[in-house]
N, C-alpha and C. Protein backbone atom coordinates (compact mmCIF):
# COMPACT_ATOMS: atom_id res chain seq x y z
N UNK A 1 94.66 122.22 118.25
CA UNK A 1 94.15 121.79 116.95
C UNK A 1 94.90 122.51 115.83
N UNK A 2 95.14 121.79 114.76
CA UNK A 2 95.69 122.37 113.55
C UNK A 2 94.99 121.71 112.38
N UNK A 3 94.67 122.50 111.38
CA UNK A 3 94.03 121.99 110.18
C UNK A 3 95.06 121.99 109.05
N UNK A 4 95.07 120.91 108.29
CA UNK A 4 96.07 120.72 107.23
C UNK A 4 95.38 120.50 105.90
N UNK A 5 95.86 121.19 104.87
CA UNK A 5 95.30 121.05 103.53
C UNK A 5 96.45 120.87 102.54
N UNK A 6 96.47 119.70 101.88
CA UNK A 6 97.50 119.42 100.88
C UNK A 6 97.06 119.92 99.51
N UNK A 7 98.06 120.21 98.69
CA UNK A 7 97.82 120.56 97.30
C UNK A 7 99.07 120.25 96.50
N UNK A 8 98.94 120.28 95.18
CA UNK A 8 100.10 120.11 94.31
C UNK A 8 100.22 118.75 93.66
N UNK A 9 99.32 117.83 93.98
CA UNK A 9 99.38 116.53 93.34
C UNK A 9 98.96 116.61 91.89
N UNK A 10 99.14 115.50 91.19
CA UNK A 10 98.74 115.46 89.79
C UNK A 10 99.35 114.29 89.07
N UNK A 11 99.26 114.34 87.75
CA UNK A 11 99.80 113.30 86.87
C UNK A 11 101.09 113.81 86.26
N UNK A 12 102.13 113.00 86.35
CA UNK A 12 103.44 113.40 85.81
C UNK A 12 104.10 112.16 85.21
N UNK A 13 104.92 112.38 84.21
CA UNK A 13 105.66 111.27 83.61
C UNK A 13 106.85 110.88 84.48
N UNK A 14 107.27 109.65 84.35
CA UNK A 14 108.46 109.19 85.08
C UNK A 14 109.64 110.10 84.76
N UNK A 15 110.40 110.42 85.80
CA UNK A 15 111.51 111.35 85.66
C UNK A 15 111.14 112.79 85.92
N UNK A 16 109.87 113.08 86.02
CA UNK A 16 109.40 114.44 86.24
C UNK A 16 109.43 114.82 87.71
N UNK A 17 108.91 116.02 87.97
CA UNK A 17 108.93 116.59 89.33
C UNK A 17 107.56 117.14 89.70
N UNK A 18 107.29 117.14 90.99
CA UNK A 18 106.12 117.80 91.56
C UNK A 18 106.53 118.38 92.90
N UNK A 19 105.84 119.45 93.31
CA UNK A 19 106.03 119.97 94.66
C UNK A 19 104.68 119.97 95.36
N UNK A 20 104.61 119.24 96.44
CA UNK A 20 103.41 119.21 97.26
C UNK A 20 103.50 120.28 98.35
N UNK A 21 102.37 120.87 98.66
CA UNK A 21 102.28 121.85 99.73
C UNK A 21 101.29 121.37 100.77
N UNK A 22 101.52 121.74 102.00
CA UNK A 22 100.63 121.43 103.11
C UNK A 22 100.43 122.71 103.90
N UNK A 23 99.30 123.36 103.70
CA UNK A 23 99.00 124.61 104.38
C UNK A 23 98.35 124.32 105.72
N UNK A 24 98.87 124.94 106.78
CA UNK A 24 98.37 124.72 108.13
C UNK A 24 97.67 125.95 108.66
N UNK A 25 96.61 125.72 109.39
CA UNK A 25 95.90 126.82 110.06
C UNK A 25 95.48 126.34 111.44
N UNK A 26 95.22 127.29 112.31
CA UNK A 26 94.85 126.95 113.68
C UNK A 26 95.93 127.41 114.63
N UNK A 27 96.49 126.48 115.36
CA UNK A 27 97.49 126.82 116.36
C UNK A 27 98.83 127.13 115.71
N UNK A 28 99.79 127.59 116.50
CA UNK A 28 101.08 128.05 116.00
C UNK A 28 101.79 126.94 115.24
N UNK A 29 101.98 127.19 113.95
CA UNK A 29 102.57 126.17 113.07
C UNK A 29 103.96 125.77 113.54
N UNK A 30 104.73 126.71 114.02
CA UNK A 30 106.11 126.42 114.41
C UNK A 30 106.23 125.53 115.64
N UNK A 31 105.12 125.22 116.28
CA UNK A 31 105.16 124.31 117.43
C UNK A 31 104.92 122.86 117.01
N UNK A 32 104.69 122.65 115.71
CA UNK A 32 104.36 121.32 115.21
C UNK A 32 105.47 120.77 114.33
N UNK A 33 105.90 119.54 114.63
CA UNK A 33 106.72 118.80 113.69
C UNK A 33 105.81 118.26 112.59
N UNK A 34 106.36 118.11 111.40
CA UNK A 34 105.56 117.71 110.25
C UNK A 34 106.10 116.45 109.61
N UNK A 35 105.21 115.71 109.00
CA UNK A 35 105.61 114.52 108.26
C UNK A 35 104.80 114.38 106.98
N UNK A 36 105.39 113.69 106.03
CA UNK A 36 104.69 113.29 104.81
C UNK A 36 104.64 111.77 104.76
N UNK A 37 103.48 111.26 104.41
CA UNK A 37 103.25 109.84 104.28
C UNK A 37 102.55 109.60 102.95
N UNK A 38 102.53 108.34 102.50
CA UNK A 38 101.81 108.02 101.28
C UNK A 38 101.17 106.65 101.40
N UNK A 39 100.12 106.46 100.61
CA UNK A 39 99.39 105.20 100.64
C UNK A 39 98.96 104.85 99.23
N UNK A 40 99.46 103.73 98.76
CA UNK A 40 99.06 103.20 97.45
C UNK A 40 97.89 102.25 97.65
N UNK A 41 97.09 102.02 96.61
CA UNK A 41 95.94 101.12 96.75
C UNK A 41 96.35 99.74 97.25
N UNK A 42 95.65 99.27 98.28
CA UNK A 42 95.93 97.96 98.82
C UNK A 42 97.15 97.87 99.71
N UNK A 43 97.79 99.00 99.94
CA UNK A 43 99.00 99.02 100.76
C UNK A 43 98.77 99.79 102.06
N UNK A 44 99.63 99.55 103.03
CA UNK A 44 99.59 100.34 104.26
C UNK A 44 100.15 101.73 104.00
N UNK A 45 99.76 102.66 104.87
CA UNK A 45 100.33 104.00 104.80
C UNK A 45 101.80 103.93 105.19
N UNK A 46 102.66 104.54 104.39
CA UNK A 46 104.09 104.45 104.66
C UNK A 46 104.73 105.82 104.81
N UNK A 47 105.75 105.85 105.61
CA UNK A 47 106.50 107.06 105.88
C UNK A 47 107.29 107.51 104.64
N UNK A 48 107.30 108.81 104.40
CA UNK A 48 108.08 109.38 103.30
C UNK A 48 109.18 110.29 103.84
N UNK A 49 108.80 111.29 104.63
CA UNK A 49 109.78 112.25 105.14
C UNK A 49 109.22 112.96 106.36
N UNK A 50 110.12 113.48 107.19
CA UNK A 50 109.72 114.23 108.37
C UNK A 50 110.66 115.40 108.57
N UNK A 51 110.15 116.44 109.22
CA UNK A 51 110.95 117.63 109.50
C UNK A 51 110.62 118.13 110.89
N UNK A 52 111.64 118.58 111.61
CA UNK A 52 111.44 119.08 112.96
C UNK A 52 110.68 120.41 112.93
N UNK A 53 110.21 120.83 114.08
CA UNK A 53 109.36 122.01 114.10
C UNK A 53 110.12 123.28 113.72
N UNK A 54 111.43 123.28 113.96
CA UNK A 54 112.23 124.43 113.56
C UNK A 54 112.78 124.32 112.16
N UNK A 55 112.72 123.13 111.60
CA UNK A 55 113.16 122.91 110.22
C UNK A 55 114.60 122.46 110.08
N UNK A 56 115.33 122.32 111.20
CA UNK A 56 116.75 122.03 111.09
C UNK A 56 117.05 120.55 110.93
N UNK A 57 116.12 119.69 111.31
CA UNK A 57 116.34 118.25 111.21
C UNK A 57 115.32 117.62 110.28
N UNK A 58 115.81 116.72 109.42
CA UNK A 58 114.94 116.02 108.49
C UNK A 58 115.27 114.53 108.50
N UNK A 59 114.33 113.75 108.03
CA UNK A 59 114.48 112.30 107.96
C UNK A 59 113.73 111.82 106.73
N UNK A 60 114.32 110.85 106.01
CA UNK A 60 113.70 110.35 104.78
C UNK A 60 113.64 108.83 104.77
N UNK A 61 112.62 108.32 104.10
CA UNK A 61 112.59 106.91 103.79
C UNK A 61 113.69 106.62 102.78
N UNK A 62 114.24 105.42 102.87
CA UNK A 62 115.34 105.04 101.97
C UNK A 62 114.92 105.12 100.51
N UNK A 63 113.65 104.84 100.25
CA UNK A 63 113.16 104.79 98.88
C UNK A 63 113.10 106.16 98.21
N UNK A 64 113.12 107.23 99.00
CA UNK A 64 113.00 108.57 98.41
C UNK A 64 114.22 109.44 98.68
N UNK A 65 115.13 108.97 99.51
CA UNK A 65 116.29 109.77 99.87
C UNK A 65 117.11 110.11 98.63
N UNK A 66 117.45 111.38 98.50
CA UNK A 66 118.19 111.84 97.33
C UNK A 66 117.31 112.31 96.20
N UNK A 67 116.01 111.99 96.26
CA UNK A 67 115.07 112.42 95.23
C UNK A 67 114.05 113.42 95.78
N UNK A 68 113.65 113.24 97.03
CA UNK A 68 112.64 114.09 97.65
C UNK A 68 113.30 115.00 98.69
N UNK A 69 112.73 116.19 98.86
CA UNK A 69 113.21 117.13 99.86
C UNK A 69 112.03 117.72 100.62
N UNK A 70 112.06 117.58 101.93
CA UNK A 70 111.03 118.17 102.79
C UNK A 70 111.55 119.51 103.31
N UNK A 71 110.66 120.48 103.38
CA UNK A 71 111.02 121.79 103.91
C UNK A 71 109.78 122.41 104.52
N UNK A 72 109.96 123.58 105.15
CA UNK A 72 108.82 124.27 105.75
C UNK A 72 109.10 125.76 105.82
N UNK A 73 108.04 126.51 105.84
CA UNK A 73 108.13 127.95 106.00
C UNK A 73 107.26 128.32 107.19
N UNK A 74 107.92 128.71 108.30
CA UNK A 74 107.20 129.03 109.53
C UNK A 74 106.76 130.49 109.61
N UNK A 75 107.00 131.24 108.55
CA UNK A 75 106.51 132.62 108.54
C UNK A 75 104.99 132.60 108.67
N UNK A 76 104.47 133.52 109.48
CA UNK A 76 103.02 133.53 109.74
C UNK A 76 102.18 133.71 108.47
N UNK A 77 102.79 134.27 107.45
CA UNK A 77 102.03 134.46 106.20
C UNK A 77 102.03 133.21 105.34
N UNK A 78 102.86 132.23 105.70
CA UNK A 78 102.95 131.01 104.90
C UNK A 78 102.42 129.79 105.67
N UNK A 79 103.05 129.48 106.83
CA UNK A 79 102.63 128.31 107.64
C UNK A 79 102.42 127.08 106.75
N UNK A 80 103.44 126.72 105.99
CA UNK A 80 103.30 125.67 104.99
C UNK A 80 104.50 124.73 105.03
N UNK A 81 104.22 123.46 104.87
CA UNK A 81 105.26 122.45 104.67
C UNK A 81 105.24 122.02 103.21
N UNK A 82 106.40 121.63 102.72
CA UNK A 82 106.54 121.28 101.31
C UNK A 82 107.22 119.92 101.17
N UNK A 83 106.92 119.28 100.04
CA UNK A 83 107.64 118.07 99.66
C UNK A 83 107.98 118.22 98.18
N UNK A 84 109.25 118.51 97.91
CA UNK A 84 109.72 118.58 96.53
C UNK A 84 110.10 117.17 96.09
N UNK A 85 109.47 116.72 95.01
CA UNK A 85 109.69 115.36 94.52
C UNK A 85 110.30 115.41 93.14
N UNK A 86 111.51 114.93 93.00
CA UNK A 86 112.21 114.89 91.72
C UNK A 86 112.45 113.45 91.29
N UNK A 87 112.78 113.27 90.03
CA UNK A 87 113.08 111.94 89.49
C UNK A 87 112.00 110.95 89.87
N UNK A 88 110.77 111.33 89.66
CA UNK A 88 109.65 110.48 90.08
C UNK A 88 109.61 109.18 89.31
N UNK A 89 109.17 108.14 90.01
CA UNK A 89 109.07 106.80 89.45
C UNK A 89 107.62 106.33 89.54
N UNK A 90 107.22 105.39 88.69
CA UNK A 90 105.84 104.87 88.78
C UNK A 90 105.51 104.34 90.17
N UNK A 91 106.48 103.79 90.87
CA UNK A 91 106.23 103.26 92.21
C UNK A 91 106.01 104.35 93.25
N UNK A 92 106.18 105.61 92.89
CA UNK A 92 105.85 106.72 93.78
C UNK A 92 104.36 107.07 93.73
N UNK A 93 103.63 106.42 92.83
CA UNK A 93 102.19 106.67 92.71
C UNK A 93 101.48 106.31 94.00
N UNK A 94 100.74 107.25 94.56
CA UNK A 94 100.04 107.06 95.82
C UNK A 94 99.26 108.32 96.15
N UNK A 95 98.43 108.21 97.18
CA UNK A 95 97.87 109.40 97.81
C UNK A 95 98.87 109.85 98.87
N UNK A 96 99.23 111.12 98.82
CA UNK A 96 100.22 111.67 99.75
C UNK A 96 99.50 112.50 100.80
N UNK A 97 99.87 112.26 102.05
CA UNK A 97 99.27 112.94 103.19
C UNK A 97 100.34 113.70 103.97
N UNK A 98 99.99 114.89 104.44
CA UNK A 98 100.84 115.53 105.43
C UNK A 98 100.22 115.33 106.81
N UNK A 99 101.07 115.35 107.81
CA UNK A 99 100.63 115.10 109.17
C UNK A 99 101.42 115.99 110.13
N UNK A 100 100.84 116.24 111.30
CA UNK A 100 101.47 117.13 112.26
C UNK A 100 101.36 116.57 113.66
N UNK A 101 102.36 116.89 114.47
CA UNK A 101 102.34 116.54 115.89
C UNK A 101 103.00 117.69 116.65
N UNK A 102 102.45 118.01 117.79
CA UNK A 102 103.00 119.11 118.58
C UNK A 102 104.18 118.58 119.38
N UNK A 103 105.31 118.57 118.73
CA UNK A 103 106.54 118.03 119.30
C UNK A 103 107.72 118.58 118.52
N UNK A 104 108.94 118.33 119.06
CA UNK A 104 110.14 118.80 118.36
C UNK A 104 110.30 118.05 117.04
N UNK A 105 110.04 116.74 117.07
CA UNK A 105 110.22 115.90 115.89
C UNK A 105 109.23 114.75 115.95
N UNK A 106 108.67 114.38 114.79
CA UNK A 106 107.62 113.38 114.79
C UNK A 106 108.06 111.96 114.50
N UNK A 107 109.07 111.78 113.65
CA UNK A 107 109.54 110.45 113.34
C UNK A 107 108.77 109.74 112.26
N UNK A 108 108.99 108.41 112.15
CA UNK A 108 108.49 107.59 111.06
C UNK A 108 107.11 106.98 111.31
N UNK A 109 106.70 106.88 112.53
CA UNK A 109 105.48 106.15 112.86
C UNK A 109 104.25 107.02 112.61
N UNK A 110 103.36 106.62 111.69
CA UNK A 110 102.16 107.43 111.45
C UNK A 110 101.28 107.55 112.69
N UNK A 111 101.37 106.56 113.58
CA UNK A 111 100.59 106.61 114.81
C UNK A 111 101.01 107.73 115.75
N UNK A 112 102.17 108.31 115.49
CA UNK A 112 102.65 109.40 116.33
C UNK A 112 102.14 110.76 115.92
N UNK A 113 101.34 110.83 114.87
CA UNK A 113 100.83 112.09 114.35
C UNK A 113 99.32 112.15 114.55
N UNK A 114 98.81 113.02 115.35
CA UNK A 114 97.36 113.09 115.56
C UNK A 114 96.59 113.90 114.52
N UNK A 115 97.28 114.72 113.76
CA UNK A 115 96.61 115.60 112.81
C UNK A 115 97.01 115.24 111.38
N UNK A 116 96.00 115.15 110.51
CA UNK A 116 96.22 114.71 109.13
C UNK A 116 95.44 115.58 108.16
N UNK A 117 96.01 115.75 106.97
CA UNK A 117 95.27 116.36 105.88
C UNK A 117 94.45 115.33 105.16
N UNK A 118 93.75 115.78 104.12
CA UNK A 118 92.84 114.90 103.39
C UNK A 118 93.53 114.10 102.30
N UNK A 119 94.76 114.47 101.96
CA UNK A 119 95.52 113.75 100.96
C UNK A 119 95.43 114.37 99.58
N UNK A 120 96.47 114.14 98.79
CA UNK A 120 96.50 114.59 97.40
C UNK A 120 97.09 113.47 96.55
N UNK A 121 96.46 113.21 95.42
CA UNK A 121 96.86 112.08 94.56
C UNK A 121 98.06 112.47 93.71
N UNK A 122 99.05 111.58 93.70
CA UNK A 122 100.20 111.70 92.81
C UNK A 122 100.23 110.44 91.95
N UNK A 123 100.22 110.64 90.63
CA UNK A 123 100.26 109.53 89.69
C UNK A 123 101.44 109.73 88.75
N UNK A 124 102.32 108.73 88.70
CA UNK A 124 103.49 108.80 87.85
C UNK A 124 103.35 107.75 86.76
N UNK A 125 103.31 108.21 85.52
CA UNK A 125 103.15 107.29 84.40
C UNK A 125 104.51 106.87 83.86
N UNK A 126 104.55 105.66 83.34
CA UNK A 126 105.82 105.13 82.81
C UNK A 126 105.99 105.46 81.34
């Protein structure tokens, strides 16, 4: 079991930046691959970014590549995954979720992640 808590969401103007955090507790954080997903009203949950459990491999959705950066800190005092979001657009507005799977890498499929946080709202105004 791992518990995930997101933070860092908010309201930002188009072109601005936000950094989301996902604090993990429970089992060894470094044994879990992490992912970020988002869900806009009336839409399916969609993949945003993923990072391997060691942090050396990352994957991004085409819509965010070059603007968003996923990272993680496996130090026992941090146990946190991050999503740095730059050049935000109104279409990035959604609830953002972090997710975890006990594997080397989780991939794009939300069904592959058994552990989820509660989500944090990101709203980008035009």
